Every structure is written in C-alpha cells, then in structure tokens.
Amino acid sequence: MSFSVTQPTIPAPAAIEAAILDLAGARGPAGSISPNEVAQALGPEWRPLLGAVRRAAVALAGAGRIDILRKGKPIDPAETRGVIRLRIRPNRDNAHDSVTSP
C-alpha cells in the first residue's frame, strides 16, 4: 500500500504580505498579531506556512510597513528568530518629505 503526502500550497509572497497587513492593520499600531494567526488565516494546513509568513514579515519590516516585536519591543528584521509578534507601523508625519508649492 502506498501513501502520498500532499504538500499544502504556499500562497504567493504578495498574498501573504497582504494577509499580514490586513490582520495587523485591523489591530492597529497599539496591537499586534502572531505569525500563527496569519498562517491560520491562509489555510487549514497552516503549520507549513509559518516559514513563508516569517519571510514575508521580514520583507515588510525591511520596507518599513510593519514592526517585528520580541518581548514587546521592535527588533531589527535581520534579528528575527524565536517568538515574535507583528505590528502595523504607526503612520509617521511625513511633512518634512512633502514638496510645497510657492
């Protein structure tokens, strides 16, 4: 008797990033989410998705869209390991970046 194990389909990185932004955005900058929550939102076979969720989180943090937290404090995305949480990055006042017309 032969058994075949099917691997879950891993969503595209853009879909994972969108899920992170949606879930973290719903909590707001005062709240945070677990990578497990994102993986569970992506499908019933969520455990194999955790690596992809963490990679997408690192990419979003590197782009300045979210913060990766360890023990409630933001960390450098390059230091992402162990237990982490994800938080939408608060909007910053970009007034100094804007161009004003005379």
PDB file of N, CA and C in Angstrom:
ATOM      1  N   MET A   1       0.844  -1.169   0.000  1.00  0.00           N
ATOM      2  CA  MET A   1       0.000   0.000   0.000  1.00  0.00           C
ATOM      3  C   MET A   1       0.893   1.237   0.000  1.00  0.00           C
ATOM      4  N   SER A   2       0.555   2.180  -0.840  1.00  0.00           N
ATOM      5  CA  SER A   2       1.349   3.398  -0.971  1.00  0.00           C
ATOM      6  C   SER A   2       0.527   4.603  -0.513  1.00  0.00           C
ATOM      7  N   PHE A   3       1.162   5.443   0.271  1.00  0.00           N
ATOM      8  CA  PHE A   3       0.518   6.670   0.728  1.00  0.00           C
ATOM      9  C   PHE A   3       1.224   7.854   0.106  1.00  0.00           C
ATOM     10  N   SER A   4       0.461   8.796  -0.344  1.00  0.00           N
ATOM     11  CA  SER A   4       1.081  10.012  -0.858  1.00  0.00           C
ATOM     12  C   SER A   4       0.719  11.163   0.075  1.00  0.00           C
ATOM     13  N   VAL A   5       1.713  11.923   0.385  1.00  0.00           N
ATOM     14  CA  VAL A   5       1.519  13.082   1.245  1.00  0.00           C
ATOM     15  C   VAL A   5       1.526  14.305   0.347  1.00  0.00           C
ATOM     16  N   THR A   6       0.455  15.048   0.399  1.00  0.00           N
ATOM     17  CA  THR A   6       0.391  16.255  -0.415  1.00  0.00           C
ATOM     18  C   THR A   6       0.855  17.438   0.409  1.00  0.00           C
ATOM     19  N   GLN A   7       1.676  18.222  -0.192  1.00  0.00           N
ATOM     20  CA  GLN A   7       2.161  19.433   0.462  1.00  0.00           C
ATOM     21  C   GLN A   7       1.127  20.533   0.276  1.00  0.00           C
ATOM     22  N   PRO A   8       0.902  21.330   1.316  1.00  0.00           N
ATOM     23  CA  PRO A   8      -0.042  22.433   1.144  1.00  0.00           C
ATOM     24  C   PRO A   8       0.513  23.446   0.149  1.00  0.00           C
ATOM     25  N   THR A   9      -0.378  24.080  -0.542  1.00  0.00           N
ATOM     26  CA  THR A   9       0.026  25.110  -1.482  1.00  0.00           C
ATOM     27  C   THR A   9       0.421  26.357  -0.701  1.00  0.00           C
ATOM     28  N   ILE A  10       1.609  26.845  -0.974  1.00  0.00           N
ATOM     29  CA  ILE A  10       2.081  28.064  -0.317  1.00  0.00           C
ATOM     30  C   ILE A  10       1.614  29.245  -1.152  1.00  0.00           C
ATOM     31  N   PRO A  11       0.862  30.166  -0.541  1.00  0.00           N
ATOM     32  CA  PRO A  11       0.421  31.346  -1.295  1.00  0.00           C
ATOM     33  C   PRO A  11       1.616  32.181  -1.760  1.00  0.00           C
ATOM     34  N   ALA A  12       1.383  32.991  -2.757  1.00  0.00           N
ATOM     35  CA  ALA A  12       2.423  33.898  -3.253  1.00  0.00           C
ATOM     36  C   ALA A  12       2.821  34.878  -2.144  1.00  0.00           C
ATOM     37  N   PRO A  13       4.091  35.312  -2.140  1.00  0.00           N
ATOM     38  CA  PRO A  13       4.528  36.261  -1.115  1.00  0.00           C
ATOM     39  C   PRO A  13       3.634  37.504  -1.020  1.00  0.00           C
ATOM     40  N   ALA A  14       3.153  38.000  -2.150  1.00  0.00           N
ATOM     41  CA  ALA A  14       2.278  39.185  -2.121  1.00  0.00           C
ATOM     42  C   ALA A  14       0.981  38.896  -1.372  1.00  0.00           C
ATOM     43  N   ALA A  15       0.448  37.683  -1.502  1.00  0.00           N
ATOM     44  CA  ALA A  15      -0.781  37.313  -0.783  1.00  0.00           C
ATOM     45  C   ALA A  15      -0.519  37.198   0.716  1.00  0.00           C
ATOM     46  N   ILE A  16       0.630  36.675   1.069  1.00  0.00           N
ATOM     47  CA  ILE A  16       0.991  36.564   2.488  1.00  0.00           C
ATOM     48  C   ILE A  16       1.189  37.952   3.075  1.00  0.00           C
ATOM     49  N   GLU A  17       1.891  38.817   2.347  1.00  0.00           N
ATOM     50  CA  GLU A  17       2.096  40.189   2.822  1.00  0.00           C
ATOM     51  C   GLU A  17       0.759  40.904   2.996  1.00  0.00           C
ATOM     52  N   ALA A  18      -0.163  40.699   2.064  1.00  0.00           N
ATOM     53  CA  ALA A  18      -1.483  41.329   2.166  1.00  0.00           C
ATOM     54  C   ALA A  18      -2.218  40.833   3.408  1.00  0.00           C
ATOM     55  N   ALA A  19      -2.113  39.540   3.709  1.00  0.00           N
ATOM     56  CA  ALA A  19      -2.762  38.995   4.904  1.00  0.00           C
ATOM     57  C   ALA A  19      -2.156  39.593   6.172  1.00  0.00           C
ATOM     58  N   ILE A  20      -0.834  39.729   6.201  1.00  0.00           N
ATOM     59  CA  ILE A  20      -0.182  40.340   7.354  1.00  0.00           C
ATOM     60  C   ILE A  20      -0.669  41.767   7.540  1.00  0.00           C
ATOM     61  N   LEU A  21      -0.672  42.537   6.457  1.00  0.00           N
ATOM     62  CA  LEU A  21      -1.094  43.935   6.544  1.00  0.00           C
ATOM     63  C   LEU A  21      -2.556  44.060   6.950  1.00  0.00           C
ATOM     64  N   ASP A  22      -3.415  43.183   6.427  1.00  0.00           N
ATOM     65  CA  ASP A  22      -4.838  43.224   6.787  1.00  0.00           C
ATOM     66  C   ASP A  22      -5.043  42.922   8.270  1.00  0.00           C
ATOM     67  N   LEU A  23      -4.439  41.828   8.733  1.00  0.00           N
ATOM     68  CA  LEU A  23      -4.634  41.432  10.126  1.00  0.00           C
ATOM     69  C   LEU A  23      -3.987  42.416  11.095  1.00  0.00           C
ATOM     70  N   ALA A  24      -2.762  42.834  10.805  1.00  0.00           N
ATOM     71  CA  ALA A  24      -2.081  43.782  11.691  1.00  0.00           C
ATOM     72  C   ALA A  24      -2.772  45.141  11.651  1.00  0.00           C
ATOM     73  N   GLY A  25      -3.219  45.538  10.466  1.00  0.00           N
ATOM     74  CA  GLY A  25      -3.927  46.807  10.334  1.00  0.00           C
ATOM     75  C   GLY A  25      -5.219  46.824  11.125  1.00  0.00           C
ATOM     76  N   ALA A  26      -5.903  45.680  11.188  1.00  0.00           N
ATOM     77  CA  ALA A  26      -7.149  45.592  11.948  1.00  0.00           C
ATOM     78  C   ALA A  26      -6.900  45.763  13.446  1.00  0.00           C
ATOM     79  N   ARG A  27      -5.721  45.366  13.918  1.00  0.00           N
ATOM     80  CA  ARG A  27      -5.380  45.534  15.338  1.00  0.00           C
ATOM     81  C   ARG A  27      -4.902  46.948  15.637  1.00  0.00           C
ATOM     82  N   GLY A  28      -4.392  47.631  14.599  1.00  0.00           N
ATOM     83  CA  GLY A  28      -3.885  48.982  14.789  1.00  0.00           C
ATOM     84  C   GLY A  28      -2.488  48.982  15.387  1.00  0.00           C
ATOM     85  N   PRO A  29      -1.861  50.171  15.441  1.00  0.00           N
ATOM     86  CA  PRO A  29      -0.483  50.250  15.918  1.00  0.00           C
ATOM     87  C   PRO A  29      -0.329  49.942  17.404  1.00  0.00           C
ATOM     88  N   ALA A  30      -1.421  49.913  18.149  1.00  0.00           N
ATOM     89  CA  ALA A  30      -1.345  49.583  19.572  1.00  0.00           C
ATOM     90  C   ALA A  30      -1.443  48.081  19.818  1.00  0.00           C
ATOM     91  N   GLY A  31      -1.842  47.314  18.789  1.00  0.00           N
ATOM     92  CA  GLY A  31      -1.986  45.866  18.934  1.00  0.00           C
ATOM     93  C   GLY A  31      -0.969  45.134  18.088  1.00  0.00           C
ATOM     94  N   SER A  32      -0.930  43.823  18.235  1.00  0.00           N
ATOM     95  CA  SER A  32      -0.014  43.016  17.433  1.00  0.00           C
ATOM     96  C   SER A  32      -0.654  41.671  17.151  1.00  0.00           C
ATOM     97  N   ILE A  33      -0.069  40.969  16.194  1.00  0.00           N
ATOM     98  CA  ILE A  33      -0.552  39.649  15.811  1.00  0.00           C
ATOM     99  C   ILE A  33       0.599  38.656  15.846  1.00  0.00           C
ATOM    100  N   SER A  34       0.254  37.404  15.909  1.00  0.00           N
ATOM    101  CA  SER A  34       1.229  36.330  15.858  1.00  0.00           C
ATOM    102  C   SER A  34       1.359  35.837  14.415  1.00  0.00           C
ATOM    103  N   PRO A  35       2.531  35.407  14.003  1.00  0.00           N
ATOM    104  CA  PRO A  35       2.646  34.787  12.688  1.00  0.00           C
ATOM    105  C   PRO A  35       1.704  33.589  12.535  1.00  0.00           C
ATOM    106  N   ASN A  36       1.412  32.898  13.639  1.00  0.00           N
ATOM    107  CA  ASN A  36       0.474  31.773  13.592  1.00  0.00           C
ATOM    108  C   ASN A  36      -0.900  32.229  13.135  1.00  0.00           C
ATOM    109  N   GLU A  37      -1.347  33.400  13.587  1.00  0.00           N
ATOM    110  CA  GLU A  37      -2.656  33.915  13.193  1.00  0.00           C
ATOM    111  C   GLU A  37      -2.726  34.129  11.687  1.00  0.00           C
ATOM    112  N   VAL A  38      -1.640  34.632  11.120  1.00  0.00           N
ATOM    113  CA  VAL A  38      -1.593  34.869   9.673  1.00  0.00           C
ATOM    114  C   VAL A  38      -1.647  33.536   8.939  1.00  0.00           C
ATOM    115  N   ALA A  39      -0.821  32.587   9.374  1.00  0.00           N
ATOM    116  CA  ALA A  39      -0.791  31.274   8.723  1.00  0.00           C
ATOM    117  C   ALA A  39      -2.157  30.599   8.805  1.00  0.00           C
ATOM    118  N   GLN A  40      -2.823  30.697   9.942  1.00  0.00           N
ATOM    119  CA  GLN A  40      -4.143  30.080  10.107  1.00  0.00           C
ATOM    120  C   GLN A  40      -5.174  30.749   9.214  1.00  0.00           C
ATOM    121  N   ALA A  41      -5.024  32.046   8.977  1.00  0.00           N
ATOM    122  CA  ALA A  41      -5.951  32.754   8.091  1.00  0.00           C
ATOM    123  C   ALA A  41      -5.748  32.347   6.634  1.00  0.00           C
ATOM    124  N   LEU A  42      -4.566  31.837   6.315  1.00  0.00           N
ATOM    125  CA  LEU A  42      -4.251  31.472   4.939  1.00  0.00           C
ATOM    126  C   LEU A  42      -4.714  30.070   4.557  1.00  0.00           C
ATOM    127  N   GLY A  43      -4.954  29.221   5.527  1.00  0.00           N
ATOM    128  CA  GLY A  43      -5.404  27.883   5.168  1.00  0.00           C
ATOM    129  C   GLY A  43      -5.444  26.936   6.335  1.00  0.00           C
ATOM    130  N   PRO A  44      -6.167  25.825   6.170  1.00  0.00           N
ATOM    131  CA  PRO A  44      -6.313  24.870   7.260  1.00  0.00           C
ATOM    132  C   PRO A  44      -5.004  24.135   7.599  1.00  0.00           C
ATOM    133  N   GLU A  45      -4.164  23.921   6.625  1.00  0.00           N
ATOM    134  CA  GLU A  45      -2.854  23.306   6.859  1.00  0.00           C
ATOM    135  C   GLU A  45      -1.853  24.432   7.058  1.00  0.00           C
ATOM    136  N   TRP A  46      -1.906  25.073   8.226  1.00  0.00           N
ATOM    137  CA  TRP A  46      -1.186  26.327   8.436  1.00  0.00           C
ATOM    138  C   TRP A  46       0.252  26.163   8.896  1.00  0.00           C
ATOM    139  N   ARG A  47       0.577  25.099   9.571  1.00  0.00           N
ATOM    140  CA  ARG A  47       1.939  24.971  10.115  1.00  0.00           C
ATOM    141  C   ARG A  47       3.034  25.057   9.039  1.00  0.00           C
ATOM    142  N   PRO A  48       2.876  24.412   7.890  1.00  0.00           N
ATOM    143  CA  PRO A  48       3.917  24.534   6.854  1.00  0.00           C
ATOM    144  C   PRO A  48       4.036  25.945   6.275  1.00  0.00           C
ATOM    145  N   LEU A  49       3.068  26.806   6.555  1.00  0.00           N
ATOM    146  CA  LEU A  49       3.097  28.167   6.021  1.00  0.00           C
ATOM    147  C   LEU A  49       3.892  29.132   6.894  1.00  0.00           C
ATOM    148  N   LEU A  50       4.247  28.711   8.102  1.00  0.00           N
ATOM    149  CA  LEU A  50       4.893  29.635   9.042  1.00  0.00           C
ATOM    150  C   LEU A  50       6.198  30.222   8.517  1.00  0.00           C
ATOM    151  N   GLY A  51       7.014  29.429   7.878  1.00  0.00           N
ATOM    152  CA  GLY A  51       8.276  29.949   7.337  1.00  0.00           C
ATOM    153  C   GLY A  51       8.028  31.040   6.313  1.00  0.00           C
ATOM    154  N   ALA A  52       7.065  30.831   5.442  1.00  0.00           N
ATOM    155  CA  ALA A  52       6.742  31.833   4.421  1.00  0.00           C
ATOM    156  C   ALA A  52       6.171  33.096   5.062  1.00  0.00           C
ATOM    157  N   VAL A  53       5.381  32.931   6.114  1.00  0.00           N
ATOM    158  CA  VAL A  53       4.823  34.100   6.817  1.00  0.00           C
ATOM    159  C   VAL A  53       5.957  34.903   7.450  1.00  0.00           C
ATOM    160  N   ARG A  54       6.883  34.231   8.085  1.00  0.00           N
ATOM    161  CA  ARG A  54       8.007  34.933   8.724  1.00  0.00           C
ATOM    162  C   ARG A  54       8.879  35.640   7.679  1.00  0.00           C
ATOM    163  N   ARG A  55       9.105  35.002   6.532  1.00  0.00           N
ATOM    164  CA  ARG A  55       9.893  35.658   5.470  1.00  0.00           C
ATOM    165  C   ARG A  55       9.170  36.898   4.950  1.00  0.00           C
ATOM    166  N   ALA A  56       7.860  36.801   4.776  1.00  0.00           N
ATOM    167  CA  ALA A  56       7.083  37.953   4.313  1.00  0.00           C
ATOM    168  C   ALA A  56       7.113  39.070   5.354  1.00  0.00           C
ATOM    169  N   ALA A  57       7.063  38.705   6.631  1.00  0.00           N
ATOM    170  CA  ALA A  57       7.126  39.707   7.697  1.00  0.00           C
ATOM    171  C   ALA A  57       8.464  40.433   7.683  1.00  0.00           C
ATOM    172  N   VAL A  58       9.538  39.701   7.473  1.00  0.00           N
ATOM    173  CA  VAL A  58      10.868  40.329   7.402  1.00  0.00           C
ATOM    174  C   VAL A  58      10.925  41.305   6.220  1.00  0.00           C
ATOM    175  N   ALA A  59      10.357  40.911   5.090  1.00  0.00           N
ATOM    176  CA  ALA A  59      10.342  41.795   3.916  1.00  0.00           C
ATOM    177  C   ALA A  59       9.535  43.062   4.202  1.00  0.00           C
ATOM    178  N   LEU A  60       8.374  42.908   4.836  1.00  0.00           N
ATOM    179  CA  LEU A  60       7.548  44.077   5.153  1.00  0.00           C
ATOM    180  C   LEU A  60       8.223  44.983   6.181  1.00  0.00           C
ATOM    181  N   ALA A  61       8.884  44.390   7.150  1.00  0.00           N
ATOM    182  CA  ALA A  61       9.597  45.189   8.145  1.00  0.00           C
ATOM    183  C   ALA A  61      10.761  45.940   7.491  1.00  0.00           C
ATOM    184  N   GLY A  62      11.461  45.268   6.590  1.00  0.00           N
ATOM    185  CA  GLY A  62      12.557  45.919   5.876  1.00  0.00           C
ATOM    186  C   GLY A  62      12.085  47.087   5.030  1.00  0.00           C
ATOM    187  N   ALA A  63      10.840  46.997   4.543  1.00  0.00           N
ATOM    188  CA  ALA A  63      10.254  48.077   3.739  1.00  0.00           C
ATOM    189  C   ALA A  63       9.609  49.164   4.606  1.00  0.00           C
ATOM    190  N   GLY A  64       9.645  48.969   5.932  1.00  0.00           N
ATOM    191  CA  GLY A  64       9.093  49.970   6.830  1.00  0.00           C
ATOM    192  C   GLY A  64       7.585  49.924   7.002  1.00  0.00           C
ATOM    193  N   ARG A  65       6.949  48.823   6.602  1.00  0.00           N
ATOM    194  CA  ARG A  65       5.483  48.715   6.687  1.00  0.00           C
ATOM    195  C   ARG A  65       4.997  48.178   8.025  1.00  0.00           C
ATOM    196  N   ILE A  66       5.786  47.284   8.647  1.00  0.00           N
ATOM    197  CA  ILE A  66       5.415  46.715   9.939  1.00  0.00           C
ATOM    198  C   ILE A  66       6.628  46.726  10.861  1.00  0.00           C
ATOM    199  N   ASP A  67       6.368  46.494  12.144  1.00  0.00           N
ATOM    200  CA  ASP A  67       7.431  46.257  13.119  1.00  0.00           C
ATOM    201  C   ASP A  67       7.375  44.793  13.519  1.00  0.00           C
ATOM    202  N   ILE A  68       8.530  44.200  13.702  1.00  0.00           N
ATOM    203  CA  ILE A  68       8.617  42.860  14.275  1.00  0.00           C
ATOM    204  C   ILE A  68       9.011  43.059  15.728  1.00  0.00           C
ATOM    205  N   LEU A  69       8.234  42.460  16.608  1.00  0.00           N
ATOM    206  CA  LEU A  69       8.430  42.658  18.037  1.00  0.00           C
ATOM    207  C   LEU A  69       8.916  41.387  18.712  1.00  0.00           C
ATOM    208  N   ARG A  70       9.824  41.562  19.647  1.00  0.00           N
ATOM    209  CA  ARG A  70      10.207  40.484  20.553  1.00  0.00           C
ATOM    210  C   ARG A  70      10.113  41.072  21.954  1.00  0.00           C
ATOM    211  N   LYS A  71       9.372  40.407  22.801  1.00  0.00           N
ATOM    212  CA  LYS A  71       9.123  40.885  24.161  1.00  0.00           C
ATOM    213  C   LYS A  71       8.563  42.307  24.148  1.00  0.00           C
ATOM    214  N   GLY A  72       7.717  42.589  23.140  1.00  0.00           N
ATOM    215  CA  GLY A  72       7.026  43.870  23.065  1.00  0.00           C
ATOM    216  C   GLY A  72       7.828  45.022  22.500  1.00  0.00           C
ATOM    217  N   LYS A  73       9.082  44.765  22.109  1.00  0.00           N
ATOM    218  CA  LYS A  73       9.936  45.835  21.590  1.00  0.00           C
ATOM    219  C   LYS A  73      10.331  45.543  20.141  1.00  0.00           C
ATOM    220  N   PRO A  74      10.354  46.578  19.292  1.00  0.00           N
ATOM    221  CA  PRO A  74      10.763  46.372  17.900  1.00  0.00           C
ATOM    222  C   PRO A  74      12.200  45.851  17.814  1.00  0.00           C
ATOM    223  N   ILE A  75      12.411  44.943  16.874  1.00  0.00           N
ATOM    224  CA  ILE A  75      13.750  44.412  16.634  1.00  0.00           C
ATOM    225  C   ILE A  75      14.133  44.636  15.179  1.00  0.00           C
ATOM    226  N   ASP A  76      15.411  44.529  14.914  1.00  0.00           N
ATOM    227  CA  ASP A  76      15.919  44.596  13.549  1.00  0.00           C
ATOM    228  C   ASP A  76      15.421  43.353  12.808  1.00  0.00           C
ATOM    229  N   PRO A  77      14.857  43.522  11.602  1.00  0.00           N
ATOM    230  CA  PRO A  77      14.368  42.344  10.864  1.00  0.00           C
ATOM    231  C   PRO A  77      15.426  41.255  10.688  1.00  0.00           C
ATOM    232  N   ALA A  78      16.694  41.644  10.622  1.00  0.00           N
ATOM    233  CA  ALA A  78      17.765  40.660  10.471  1.00  0.00           C
ATOM    234  C   ALA A  78      17.923  39.789  11.722  1.00  0.00           C
ATOM    235  N   GLU A  79      17.392  40.254  12.845  1.00  0.00           N
ATOM    236  CA  GLU A  79      17.486  39.527  14.108  1.00  0.00           C
ATOM    237  C   GLU A  79      16.246  38.676  14.384  1.00  0.00           C
ATOM    238  N   THR A  80      15.406  38.463  13.376  1.00  0.00           N
ATOM    239  CA  THR A  80      14.148  37.742  13.563  1.00  0.00           C
ATOM    240  C   THR A  80      14.409  36.265  13.798  1.00  0.00           C
ATOM    241  N   ARG A  81      14.097  35.848  15.017  1.00  0.00           N
ATOM    242  CA  ARG A  81      14.153  34.438  15.390  1.00  0.00           C
ATOM    243  C   ARG A  81      13.375  34.289  16.691  1.00  0.00           C
ATOM    244  N   GLY A  82      13.004  33.071  16.976  1.00  0.00           N
ATOM    245  CA  GLY A  82      12.259  32.810  18.204  1.00  0.00           C
ATOM    246  C   GLY A  82      10.832  33.329  18.125  1.00  0.00           C
ATOM    247  N   VAL A  83      10.279  33.605  19.284  1.00  0.00           N
ATOM    248  CA  VAL A  83       8.900  34.064  19.389  1.00  0.00           C
ATOM    249  C   VAL A  83       8.831  35.540  19.009  1.00  0.00           C
ATOM    250  N   ILE A  84       8.007  35.834  18.015  1.00  0.00           N
ATOM    251  CA  ILE A  84       7.850  37.214  17.560  1.00  0.00           C
ATOM    252  C   ILE A  84       6.371  37.551  17.439  1.00  0.00           C
ATOM    253  N   ARG A  85       6.106  38.842  17.365  1.00  0.00           N
ATOM    254  CA  ARG A  85       4.772  39.353  17.058  1.00  0.00           C
ATOM    255  C   ARG A  85       4.956  40.413  15.984  1.00  0.00           C
ATOM    256  N   LEU A  86       3.866  40.718  15.289  1.00  0.00           N
ATOM    257  CA  LEU A  86       3.906  41.666  14.181  1.00  0.00           C
ATOM    258  C   LEU A  86       2.943  42.807  14.479  1.00  0.00           C
ATOM    259  N   ARG A  87       3.383  44.024  14.198  1.00  0.00           N
ATOM    260  CA  ARG A  87       2.564  45.206  14.446  1.00  0.00           C
ATOM    261  C   ARG A  87       2.642  46.123  13.243  1.00  0.00           C
ATOM    262  N   ILE A  88       1.491  46.667  12.858  1.00  0.00           N
ATOM    263  CA  ILE A  88       1.486  47.648  11.784  1.00  0.00           C
ATOM    264  C   ILE A  88       2.308  48.839  12.251  1.00  0.00           C
ATOM    265  N   ARG A  89       3.110  49.380  11.383  1.00  0.00           N
ATOM    266  CA  ARG A  89       3.922  50.526  11.777  1.00  0.00           C
ATOM    267  C   ARG A  89       3.041  51.767  11.822  1.00  0.00           C
ATOM    268  N   PRO A  90       3.116  52.522  12.912  1.00  0.00           N
ATOM    269  CA  PRO A  90       2.300  53.737  13.003  1.00  0.00           C
ATOM    270  C   PRO A  90       2.655  54.707  11.881  1.00  0.00           C
ATOM    271  N   ASN A  91       1.644  55.420  11.388  1.00  0.00           N
ATOM    272  CA  ASN A  91       1.905  56.445  10.374  1.00  0.00           C
ATOM    273  C   ASN A  91       2.753  57.534  10.993  1.00  0.00           C
ATOM    274  N   ARG A  92       3.742  57.921  10.257  1.00  0.00           N
ATOM    275  CA  ARG A  92       4.601  58.999  10.722  1.00  0.00           C
ATOM    276  C   ARG A  92       4.229  60.266   9.992  1.00  0.00           C
ATOM    277  N   ASP A  93       4.486  61.382  10.631  1.00  0.00           N
ATOM    278  CA  ASP A  93       4.251  62.670   9.992  1.00  0.00           C
ATOM    279  C   ASP A  93       5.360  62.884   8.971  1.00  0.00           C
ATOM    280  N   ASN A  94       4.995  62.791   7.713  1.00  0.00           N
ATOM    281  CA  ASN A  94       5.975  62.943   6.648  1.00  0.00           C
ATOM    282  C   ASN A  94       5.974  64.353   6.079  1.00  0.00           C
ATOM    283  N   ALA A  95       5.621  65.311   6.890  1.00  0.00           N
ATOM    284  CA  ALA A  95       5.532  66.690   6.409  1.00  0.00           C
ATOM    285  C   ALA A  95       6.872  67.180   5.871  1.00  0.00           C
ATOM    286  N   HIS A  96       7.955  66.735   6.482  1.00  0.00           N
ATOM    287  CA  HIS A  96       9.269  67.177   6.010  1.00  0.00           C
ATOM    288  C   HIS A  96       9.624  66.574   4.657  1.00  0.00           C
ATOM    289  N   ASP A  97       8.917  65.527   4.256  1.00  0.00           N
ATOM    290  CA  ASP A  97       9.162  64.909   2.957  1.00  0.00           C
ATOM    291  C   ASP A  97       8.341  65.525   1.838  1.00  0.00           C
ATOM    292  N   SER A  98       7.334  66.268   2.209  1.00  0.00           N
ATOM    293  CA  SER A  98       6.436  66.778   1.175  1.00  0.00           C
ATOM    294  C   SER A  98       7.043  67.996   0.500  1.00  0.00           C
ATOM    295  N   VAL A  99       6.638  68.176  -0.738  1.00  0.00           N
ATOM    296  CA  VAL A  99       7.102  69.310  -1.500  1.00  0.00           C
ATOM    297  C   VAL A  99       5.998  70.353  -1.459  1.00  0.00           C
ATOM    298  N   THR A 100       6.357  71.537  -1.070  1.00  0.00           N
ATOM    299  CA  THR A 100       5.350  72.600  -1.016  1.00  0.00           C
ATOM    300  C   THR A 100       5.522  73.498  -2.219  1.00  0.00           C
ATOM    301  N   SER A 101       4.414  73.933  -2.735  1.00  0.00           N
ATOM    302  CA  SER A 101       4.475  74.824  -3.898  1.00  0.00           C
ATOM    303  C   SER A 101       4.443  76.261  -3.419  1.00  0.00           C
ATOM    304  N   PRO A 102       5.119  77.165  -4.153  1.00  0.00           N
ATOM    305  CA  PRO A 102       5.184  78.566  -3.720  1.00  0.00           C
ATOM    306  C   PRO A 102       3.856  79.262  -3.799  1.00  0.00           C
TER     307      PRO A 102
END
